[in-house]
Amino acid sequence: MIFLAPVFEKLPKPVLGAVIIEAVVLGMMDVPAVQRLFRVDKFDFSIAMLALLGCLAFGVLRGIAIGVALSVLWLVYVSTSPGMRELGQVPHTHDFRAVLEHPDY
């Protein structure tokens, strides 16, 4: 590294920034996992992208704090608002089923 420092000294800073970004994207970020997250759960993908943008805009620590805060807020929201289904009684039984799944009840 010491011998190559004079070579990199003459490169413009945007080029060095591009080299660092490329190393981070390929080395530290699991691109297939992010693509899978996009296909499976769009909201979790959006939280991950907001955390990534927070890291790029405000620094790593603040970006991680943004991701953690958004995840905790989402967890609180999901925990405090459970899904409620309207139930209907199956004719001639004591069973109940969701009306949306079985509209004839």
N, C-alpha and C. Protein backbone atom coordinates (compact mmCIF):
# COMPACT_ATOMS: atom_id res chain seq x y z
N MET A 1 0.82 -1.18 0.00
CA MET A 1 0.00 0.00 0.00
C MET A 1 0.88 1.26 0.00
N ILE A 2 1.98 1.20 0.70
CA ILE A 2 2.87 2.36 0.76
C ILE A 2 3.45 2.66 -0.62
N PHE A 3 3.74 1.61 -1.36
CA PHE A 3 4.34 1.81 -2.69
C PHE A 3 3.31 2.32 -3.71
N LEU A 4 2.05 2.01 -3.50
CA LEU A 4 1.02 2.44 -4.43
C LEU A 4 0.42 3.81 -4.09
N ALA A 5 0.73 4.35 -2.94
CA ALA A 5 0.17 5.64 -2.53
C ALA A 5 0.47 6.75 -3.53
N PRO A 6 1.69 6.85 -4.07
CA PRO A 6 1.93 7.92 -5.06
C PRO A 6 1.08 7.77 -6.32
N VAL A 7 0.72 6.54 -6.69
CA VAL A 7 -0.13 6.34 -7.87
C VAL A 7 -1.53 6.89 -7.60
N PHE A 8 -2.07 6.60 -6.43
CA PHE A 8 -3.42 7.06 -6.09
C PHE A 8 -3.47 8.54 -5.76
N GLU A 9 -2.32 9.14 -5.47
CA GLU A 9 -2.27 10.55 -5.10
C GLU A 9 -2.71 11.44 -6.27
N LYS A 10 -2.46 11.03 -7.48
CA LYS A 10 -2.76 11.84 -8.64
C LYS A 10 -4.21 11.67 -9.14
N LEU A 11 -4.92 10.68 -8.60
CA LEU A 11 -6.31 10.47 -9.02
C LEU A 11 -7.22 11.53 -8.41
N PRO A 12 -8.22 11.98 -9.17
CA PRO A 12 -9.18 12.94 -8.61
C PRO A 12 -10.00 12.29 -7.48
N LYS A 13 -10.45 13.09 -6.57
CA LYS A 13 -11.22 12.57 -5.43
C LYS A 13 -12.51 11.87 -5.85
N PRO A 14 -13.25 12.35 -6.86
CA PRO A 14 -14.44 11.59 -7.26
C PRO A 14 -14.12 10.17 -7.72
N VAL A 15 -12.99 9.98 -8.37
CA VAL A 15 -12.60 8.63 -8.80
C VAL A 15 -12.32 7.77 -7.58
N LEU A 16 -11.60 8.30 -6.61
CA LEU A 16 -11.34 7.55 -5.38
C LEU A 16 -12.64 7.24 -4.65
N GLY A 17 -13.59 8.19 -4.65
CA GLY A 17 -14.89 7.95 -4.03
C GLY A 17 -15.63 6.83 -4.73
N ALA A 18 -15.58 6.81 -6.06
CA ALA A 18 -16.24 5.75 -6.83
C ALA A 18 -15.62 4.39 -6.53
N VAL A 19 -14.30 4.34 -6.38
CA VAL A 19 -13.63 3.08 -6.04
C VAL A 19 -14.07 2.60 -4.67
N ILE A 20 -14.17 3.48 -3.72
CA ILE A 20 -14.60 3.11 -2.37
C ILE A 20 -16.06 2.66 -2.38
N ILE A 21 -16.93 3.36 -3.08
CA ILE A 21 -18.34 2.96 -3.14
C ILE A 21 -18.48 1.60 -3.79
N GLU A 22 -17.74 1.35 -4.86
CA GLU A 22 -17.80 0.05 -5.53
C GLU A 22 -17.32 -1.06 -4.59
N ALA A 23 -16.28 -0.80 -3.83
CA ALA A 23 -15.78 -1.81 -2.88
C ALA A 23 -16.81 -2.08 -1.79
N VAL A 24 -17.49 -1.06 -1.33
CA VAL A 24 -18.50 -1.23 -0.29
C VAL A 24 -19.70 -2.00 -0.82
N VAL A 25 -20.17 -1.64 -2.01
CA VAL A 25 -21.36 -2.30 -2.56
C VAL A 25 -21.08 -3.77 -2.83
N LEU A 26 -19.94 -4.08 -3.42
CA LEU A 26 -19.65 -5.48 -3.73
C LEU A 26 -19.14 -6.27 -2.53
N GLY A 27 -18.46 -5.62 -1.63
CA GLY A 27 -17.85 -6.34 -0.52
C GLY A 27 -18.69 -6.42 0.74
N MET A 28 -19.43 -5.37 1.04
CA MET A 28 -20.13 -5.33 2.32
C MET A 28 -21.64 -5.48 2.19
N MET A 29 -22.18 -5.28 1.01
CA MET A 29 -23.62 -5.32 0.83
C MET A 29 -24.00 -6.58 0.08
N ASP A 30 -24.96 -7.31 0.60
CA ASP A 30 -25.42 -8.54 -0.01
C ASP A 30 -26.54 -8.20 -1.00
N VAL A 31 -26.15 -7.95 -2.25
CA VAL A 31 -27.11 -7.51 -3.28
C VAL A 31 -28.22 -8.54 -3.51
N PRO A 32 -27.93 -9.86 -3.62
CA PRO A 32 -29.02 -10.81 -3.80
C PRO A 32 -30.02 -10.80 -2.63
N ALA A 33 -29.54 -10.58 -1.42
CA ALA A 33 -30.45 -10.52 -0.27
C ALA A 33 -31.36 -9.28 -0.36
N VAL A 34 -30.82 -8.17 -0.85
CA VAL A 34 -31.63 -6.96 -1.00
C VAL A 34 -32.66 -7.17 -2.11
N GLN A 35 -32.28 -7.84 -3.19
CA GLN A 35 -33.24 -8.13 -4.27
C GLN A 35 -34.34 -9.05 -3.77
N ARG A 36 -33.98 -10.05 -2.97
CA ARG A 36 -34.98 -10.95 -2.40
C ARG A 36 -35.92 -10.19 -1.47
N LEU A 37 -35.37 -9.28 -0.66
CA LEU A 37 -36.19 -8.48 0.24
C LEU A 37 -37.17 -7.62 -0.55
N PHE A 38 -36.75 -7.12 -1.71
CA PHE A 38 -37.64 -6.33 -2.56
C PHE A 38 -38.80 -7.18 -3.06
N ARG A 39 -38.53 -8.44 -3.42
CA ARG A 39 -39.59 -9.32 -3.90
C ARG A 39 -40.51 -9.77 -2.79
N VAL A 40 -39.96 -10.00 -1.59
CA VAL A 40 -40.74 -10.60 -0.51
C VAL A 40 -41.53 -9.57 0.29
N ASP A 41 -40.89 -8.49 0.69
CA ASP A 41 -41.54 -7.52 1.57
C ASP A 41 -41.10 -6.10 1.21
N LYS A 42 -41.95 -5.40 0.52
CA LYS A 42 -41.61 -4.06 0.03
C LYS A 42 -41.39 -3.07 1.17
N PHE A 43 -42.12 -3.21 2.27
CA PHE A 43 -41.97 -2.25 3.36
C PHE A 43 -40.61 -2.42 4.04
N ASP A 44 -40.20 -3.66 4.29
CA ASP A 44 -38.87 -3.89 4.87
C ASP A 44 -37.77 -3.41 3.92
N PHE A 45 -37.99 -3.59 2.63
CA PHE A 45 -37.04 -3.09 1.64
C PHE A 45 -36.94 -1.57 1.73
N SER A 46 -38.07 -0.89 1.89
CA SER A 46 -38.04 0.57 1.97
C SER A 46 -37.32 1.04 3.23
N ILE A 47 -37.49 0.32 4.33
CA ILE A 47 -36.74 0.68 5.56
C ILE A 47 -35.25 0.50 5.33
N ALA A 48 -34.86 -0.59 4.67
CA ALA A 48 -33.44 -0.82 4.38
C ALA A 48 -32.88 0.27 3.48
N MET A 49 -33.64 0.68 2.48
CA MET A 49 -33.16 1.73 1.57
C MET A 49 -33.08 3.08 2.28
N LEU A 50 -34.03 3.37 3.16
CA LEU A 50 -33.95 4.62 3.92
C LEU A 50 -32.75 4.62 4.85
N ALA A 51 -32.44 3.46 5.45
CA ALA A 51 -31.24 3.37 6.29
C ALA A 51 -29.99 3.56 5.45
N LEU A 52 -29.96 2.98 4.25
CA LEU A 52 -28.81 3.15 3.36
C LEU A 52 -28.65 4.61 2.95
N LEU A 53 -29.75 5.25 2.58
CA LEU A 53 -29.68 6.67 2.23
C LEU A 53 -29.27 7.52 3.42
N GLY A 54 -29.74 7.14 4.61
CA GLY A 54 -29.32 7.85 5.82
C GLY A 54 -27.82 7.72 6.05
N CYS A 55 -27.29 6.54 5.78
CA CYS A 55 -25.83 6.34 5.91
C CYS A 55 -25.07 7.20 4.92
N LEU A 56 -25.57 7.27 3.70
CA LEU A 56 -24.88 8.07 2.68
C LEU A 56 -25.00 9.56 2.96
N ALA A 57 -26.14 10.00 3.47
CA ALA A 57 -26.37 11.43 3.68
C ALA A 57 -25.82 11.94 5.01
N PHE A 58 -25.98 11.15 6.07
CA PHE A 58 -25.67 11.66 7.41
C PHE A 58 -24.53 10.92 8.12
N GLY A 59 -24.00 9.87 7.52
CA GLY A 59 -22.95 9.10 8.16
C GLY A 59 -23.48 7.75 8.62
N VAL A 60 -22.56 6.86 8.89
CA VAL A 60 -22.94 5.47 9.20
C VAL A 60 -23.74 5.37 10.49
N LEU A 61 -23.28 6.00 11.55
CA LEU A 61 -23.97 5.89 12.84
C LEU A 61 -25.39 6.43 12.78
N ARG A 62 -25.57 7.58 12.17
CA ARG A 62 -26.91 8.16 12.06
C ARG A 62 -27.79 7.34 11.12
N GLY A 63 -27.21 6.80 10.05
CA GLY A 63 -27.97 5.95 9.14
C GLY A 63 -28.47 4.69 9.81
N ILE A 64 -27.62 4.08 10.62
CA ILE A 64 -28.04 2.89 11.37
C ILE A 64 -29.11 3.26 12.39
N ALA A 65 -28.95 4.42 13.02
CA ALA A 65 -29.96 4.87 13.98
C ALA A 65 -31.30 5.11 13.27
N ILE A 66 -31.27 5.62 12.06
CA ILE A 66 -32.51 5.82 11.29
C ILE A 66 -33.16 4.47 11.01
N GLY A 67 -32.36 3.49 10.58
CA GLY A 67 -32.90 2.16 10.31
C GLY A 67 -33.49 1.50 11.54
N VAL A 68 -32.81 1.61 12.66
CA VAL A 68 -33.30 1.02 13.91
C VAL A 68 -34.58 1.73 14.35
N ALA A 69 -34.60 3.05 14.28
CA ALA A 69 -35.80 3.80 14.70
C ALA A 69 -37.00 3.44 13.84
N LEU A 70 -36.81 3.36 12.53
CA LEU A 70 -37.92 3.00 11.65
C LEU A 70 -38.40 1.58 11.90
N SER A 71 -37.47 0.67 12.16
CA SER A 71 -37.85 -0.72 12.45
C SER A 71 -38.63 -0.81 13.76
N VAL A 72 -38.21 -0.09 14.78
CA VAL A 72 -38.92 -0.11 16.06
C VAL A 72 -40.31 0.50 15.91
N LEU A 73 -40.41 1.61 15.17
CA LEU A 73 -41.72 2.21 14.95
C LEU A 73 -42.65 1.25 14.20
N TRP A 74 -42.13 0.55 13.20
CA TRP A 74 -42.94 -0.42 12.46
C TRP A 74 -43.36 -1.57 13.38
N LEU A 75 -42.46 -2.04 14.23
CA LEU A 75 -42.78 -3.11 15.17
C LEU A 75 -43.88 -2.68 16.14
N VAL A 76 -43.79 -1.46 16.65
CA VAL A 76 -44.82 -0.95 17.56
C VAL A 76 -46.15 -0.84 16.84
N TYR A 77 -46.13 -0.36 15.61
CA TYR A 77 -47.38 -0.23 14.85
C TYR A 77 -48.02 -1.60 14.61
N VAL A 78 -47.23 -2.56 14.17
CA VAL A 78 -47.77 -3.89 13.88
C VAL A 78 -48.26 -4.56 15.16
N SER A 79 -47.55 -4.36 16.26
CA SER A 79 -47.93 -4.99 17.53
C SER A 79 -49.21 -4.40 18.12
N THR A 80 -49.44 -3.13 17.87
CA THR A 80 -50.60 -2.47 18.50
C THR A 80 -51.84 -2.45 17.61
N SER A 81 -51.73 -2.90 16.38
CA SER A 81 -52.90 -2.91 15.50
C SER A 81 -53.04 -4.28 14.83
N PRO A 82 -53.54 -5.26 15.58
CA PRO A 82 -53.71 -6.59 14.99
C PRO A 82 -54.83 -6.59 13.96
N GLY A 83 -54.74 -7.52 13.03
CA GLY A 83 -55.77 -7.64 12.00
C GLY A 83 -57.07 -8.18 12.60
N MET A 84 -58.17 -7.57 12.25
CA MET A 84 -59.48 -8.01 12.74
C MET A 84 -60.29 -8.49 11.55
N ARG A 85 -60.86 -9.67 11.67
CA ARG A 85 -61.69 -10.21 10.61
C ARG A 85 -63.14 -10.32 11.08
N GLU A 86 -64.03 -10.08 10.14
CA GLU A 86 -65.44 -10.27 10.43
C GLU A 86 -65.76 -11.74 10.22
N LEU A 87 -66.35 -12.35 11.22
CA LEU A 87 -66.65 -13.78 11.17
C LEU A 87 -68.13 -14.01 10.90
N GLY A 88 -68.38 -15.10 10.22
CA GLY A 88 -69.76 -15.52 9.98
C GLY A 88 -69.88 -16.99 10.35
N GLN A 89 -71.05 -17.37 10.87
CA GLN A 89 -71.25 -18.75 11.30
C GLN A 89 -71.57 -19.63 10.11
N VAL A 90 -70.90 -20.78 10.05
CA VAL A 90 -71.18 -21.76 9.00
C VAL A 90 -72.56 -22.34 9.29
N PRO A 91 -73.44 -22.35 8.30
CA PRO A 91 -74.82 -22.83 8.54
C PRO A 91 -74.84 -24.26 9.09
N HIS A 92 -75.69 -24.46 10.07
CA HIS A 92 -75.95 -25.76 10.68
C HIS A 92 -74.75 -26.33 11.43
N THR A 93 -73.82 -25.46 11.86
CA THR A 93 -72.66 -25.91 12.66
C THR A 93 -72.40 -24.88 13.75
N HIS A 94 -71.42 -25.17 14.56
CA HIS A 94 -70.96 -24.22 15.57
C HIS A 94 -69.66 -23.54 15.15
N ASP A 95 -69.26 -23.70 13.88
CA ASP A 95 -68.01 -23.15 13.37
C ASP A 95 -68.20 -21.74 12.83
N PHE A 96 -67.15 -20.95 12.94
CA PHE A 96 -67.14 -19.60 12.39
C PHE A 96 -65.96 -19.49 11.42
N ARG A 97 -66.16 -18.79 10.31
CA ARG A 97 -65.13 -18.58 9.30
C ARG A 97 -65.11 -17.10 8.91
N ALA A 98 -63.99 -16.67 8.31
CA ALA A 98 -63.87 -15.30 7.85
C ALA A 98 -64.82 -15.04 6.69
N VAL A 99 -65.58 -13.95 6.78
CA VAL A 99 -66.59 -13.63 5.77
C VAL A 99 -65.93 -13.32 4.43
N LEU A 100 -64.78 -12.67 4.43
CA LEU A 100 -64.12 -12.33 3.16
C LEU A 100 -63.67 -13.58 2.41
N GLU A 101 -63.27 -14.61 3.13
CA GLU A 101 -62.82 -15.84 2.49
C GLU A 101 -63.98 -16.74 2.09
N HIS A 102 -65.11 -16.63 2.81
CA HIS A 102 -66.30 -17.45 2.53
C HIS A 102 -67.52 -16.51 2.54
N PRO A 103 -67.76 -15.83 1.43
CA PRO A 103 -68.84 -14.81 1.43
C PRO A 103 -70.25 -15.39 1.58
N ASP A 104 -70.43 -16.69 1.43
CA ASP A 104 -71.78 -17.26 1.53
C ASP A 104 -72.22 -17.49 2.97
N TYR A 105 -71.40 -17.22 3.99
CA TYR A 105 -71.77 -17.43 5.39
C TYR A 105 -72.42 -16.20 5.96
